[in-house]
Amino acid sequence: MKRIIPFILILMSFSLVAQSPNRGKNKERIKALKIAFITERLDLNEKEAEKFWPVYNAFDDKQSKIKFEEMRKLKAQGRQDFDTMNDKEASDLLDKIIAAENKLHNYKVEFINDLKSILPAKKIMLLKSVEDDFNRRMLEEFKKRRQGRLKN
């Protein structure tokens, strides 16, 4: 029962986020939901949470920067210039994409190594699954809301 109530609150919050017309605040709300969801699902105690969140947030910022700035720009460039680029330009672009992927991989390895001093290995293993569950639920909620708006 102790776990059910926070889970219900999280699900209710999902719908509040999806309904909110102010998209600027949505990012902060989603981040708060993610923190609550991960904390609950990993069953982080106060000591673990105190050490975990600064490390997680730093990693998440680095990961987001690579995924949403570097990778997105490189892939958009590839799509935009595809018909006009020669093999040398395509090869250079692929090298940049590989370098960004390697940087992302190195950040993930560093993150996991940092977590080893904070969390038990089982919780670290569970983290990826919990993140995937959160992302899946958010996507499902957004799809429901979008379909609801399209019907009206």
Protein backbone atom coordinates (compact mmCIF):
# COMPACT_ATOMS: atom_id res chain seq x y z
CA MET A 1 0.00 0.00 0.00
CA LYS A 2 2.89 2.31 0.84
CA ARG A 3 4.15 2.03 -2.76
CA ILE A 4 0.74 2.25 -4.44
CA ILE A 5 -0.14 5.75 -3.24
CA PRO A 6 3.00 7.48 -4.62
CA PHE A 7 2.57 5.54 -7.87
CA ILE A 8 -1.02 6.78 -8.22
CA LEU A 9 0.15 10.34 -7.52
CA ILE A 10 2.77 10.01 -10.23
CA LEU A 11 0.21 8.77 -12.75
CA MET A 12 -2.13 11.63 -11.86
CA SER A 13 0.74 14.05 -12.34
CA PHE A 14 1.37 12.62 -15.82
CA SER A 15 -2.08 13.74 -16.86
CA LEU A 16 -1.59 17.19 -15.35
CA VAL A 17 1.64 17.64 -17.29
CA ALA A 18 0.06 16.50 -20.54
CA GLN A 19 -2.88 18.89 -20.08
CA SER A 20 -0.83 21.94 -19.23
CA PRO A 21 -0.92 24.65 -21.91
CA ASN A 22 2.33 26.19 -20.66
CA ARG A 23 5.04 24.13 -22.35
CA GLY A 24 7.91 26.00 -20.68
CA LYS A 25 6.89 24.70 -17.29
CA ASN A 26 6.27 21.21 -18.64
CA LYS A 27 9.98 20.46 -18.82
CA GLU A 28 10.39 21.21 -15.12
CA ARG A 29 7.26 19.26 -14.24
CA ILE A 30 8.43 16.28 -16.24
CA LYS A 31 11.80 16.44 -14.51
CA ALA A 32 10.05 16.47 -11.11
CA LEU A 33 7.91 13.51 -12.16
CA LYS A 34 10.99 11.65 -13.33
CA ILE A 35 12.75 12.28 -10.02
CA ALA A 36 9.76 11.00 -8.09
CA PHE A 37 9.33 8.00 -10.37
CA ILE A 38 12.99 6.95 -10.26
CA THR A 39 13.29 7.55 -6.52
CA GLU A 40 10.20 5.43 -5.88
CA ARG A 41 11.04 2.61 -8.27
CA LEU A 42 14.68 2.35 -7.18
CA ASP A 43 13.57 2.62 -3.57
CA LEU A 44 16.30 5.18 -2.87
CA ASN A 45 16.81 6.00 0.76
CA GLU A 46 17.64 9.56 1.78
CA LYS A 47 21.39 9.00 1.83
CA GLU A 48 21.39 7.34 -1.60
CA ALA A 49 19.14 10.00 -3.11
CA GLU A 50 21.33 12.79 -1.74
CA LYS A 51 24.38 11.37 -3.54
CA PHE A 52 22.60 9.93 -6.58
CA TRP A 53 20.74 12.97 -7.93
CA PRO A 54 23.70 15.33 -8.46
CA VAL A 55 25.56 12.57 -10.35
CA TYR A 56 22.45 11.59 -12.33
CA ASN A 57 21.59 15.20 -13.23
CA ALA A 58 25.13 15.95 -14.39
CA PHE A 59 25.09 12.83 -16.56
CA ASP A 60 21.61 13.62 -17.89
CA ASP A 61 22.71 17.14 -18.86
CA LYS A 62 25.78 15.83 -20.71
CA GLN A 63 23.75 13.10 -22.40
CA SER A 64 21.03 15.53 -23.46
CA LYS A 65 23.53 17.97 -24.86
CA ILE A 66 25.10 15.28 -27.03
CA LYS A 67 21.81 13.70 -28.12
CA PHE A 68 19.81 16.84 -28.72
CA GLU A 69 22.46 19.26 -29.84
CA GLU A 70 25.35 17.43 -31.46
CA MET A 71 23.63 14.30 -32.78
CA ARG A 72 20.46 16.05 -33.92
CA LYS A 73 22.46 18.70 -35.81
CA LEU A 74 24.71 16.13 -37.45
CA LYS A 75 21.82 13.93 -38.54
CA ALA A 76 19.84 16.93 -39.80
CA GLN A 77 22.87 18.02 -41.79
CA GLY A 78 23.10 14.55 -43.28
CA ARG A 79 19.44 14.59 -44.29
CA GLN A 80 19.57 18.13 -45.63
CA ASP A 81 22.77 17.74 -47.64
CA PHE A 82 22.36 14.09 -48.61
CA ASP A 83 21.65 14.68 -52.31
CA THR A 84 24.51 17.14 -52.77
CA MET A 85 27.27 15.68 -50.56
CA ASN A 86 30.13 13.70 -52.01
CA ASP A 87 31.68 10.59 -50.44
CA LYS A 88 34.36 12.59 -48.63
CA GLU A 89 31.77 14.86 -46.99
CA ALA A 90 29.62 11.86 -46.09
CA SER A 91 32.64 10.12 -44.59
CA ASP A 92 33.54 13.22 -42.55
CA LEU A 93 29.98 13.46 -41.29
CA LEU A 94 29.99 9.79 -40.31
CA ASP A 95 33.25 10.33 -38.42
CA LYS A 96 31.62 13.19 -36.48
CA ILE A 97 28.58 11.03 -35.68
CA ILE A 98 30.84 8.20 -34.49
CA ALA A 99 32.83 10.64 -32.34
CA ALA A 100 29.61 11.93 -30.73
CA GLU A 101 28.39 8.35 -30.15
CA ASN A 102 31.75 7.47 -28.56
CA LYS A 103 31.56 10.55 -26.33
CA LEU A 104 28.08 9.50 -25.24
CA HIS A 105 29.27 5.96 -24.55
CA ASN A 106 32.21 7.24 -22.51
CA TYR A 107 29.86 9.42 -20.43
CA LYS A 108 27.67 6.37 -19.77
CA VAL A 109 30.64 4.29 -18.63
CA GLU A 110 31.84 7.12 -16.39
CA PHE A 111 28.31 7.53 -14.99
CA ILE A 112 28.01 3.83 -14.13
CA ASN A 113 31.43 3.84 -12.50
CA ASP A 114 30.43 6.89 -10.43
CA LEU A 115 27.20 5.17 -9.39
CA LYS A 116 29.07 2.11 -8.13
CA SER A 117 30.22 4.11 -5.10
CA ILE A 118 26.67 5.35 -4.44
CA LEU A 119 24.24 2.52 -5.18
CA PRO A 120 24.25 -1.28 -5.02
CA ALA A 121 24.82 -2.95 -8.39
CA LYS A 122 21.22 -4.23 -8.55
CA LYS A 123 19.85 -0.69 -8.34
CA ILE A 124 22.23 0.45 -11.06
CA MET A 125 21.02 -2.43 -13.24
CA LEU A 126 17.41 -1.49 -12.52
CA LEU A 127 17.93 2.18 -13.39
CA LYS A 128 17.86 1.72 -17.19
CA SER A 129 14.65 -0.28 -16.98
CA VAL A 130 13.06 2.35 -14.73
CA GLU A 131 14.08 5.15 -17.12
CA ASP A 132 12.63 3.20 -20.05
CA ASP A 133 9.37 2.66 -18.11
CA PHE A 134 9.14 6.36 -17.34
CA ASN A 135 9.78 7.36 -20.96
CA ARG A 136 7.27 4.80 -22.23
CA ARG A 137 4.57 6.06 -19.86
CA MET A 138 5.22 9.67 -20.78
CA LEU A 139 5.02 8.84 -24.48
CA GLU A 140 1.77 6.92 -23.99
CA GLU A 141 0.30 9.82 -22.04
CA PHE A 142 1.30 12.33 -24.70
CA LYS A 143 -0.19 10.12 -27.43
CA LYS A 144 -3.48 9.86 -25.51
CA ARG A 145 -3.62 13.61 -25.04
CA ARG A 146 -2.80 14.29 -28.68
CA GLN A 147 -5.50 11.88 -29.84
CA GLY A 148 -7.95 13.53 -27.45
CA ARG A 149 -7.18 16.97 -28.90
CA LEU A 150 -7.49 15.70 -32.48
CA LYS A 151 -10.95 14.22 -31.73
CA ASN A 152 -12.24 17.53 -30.35
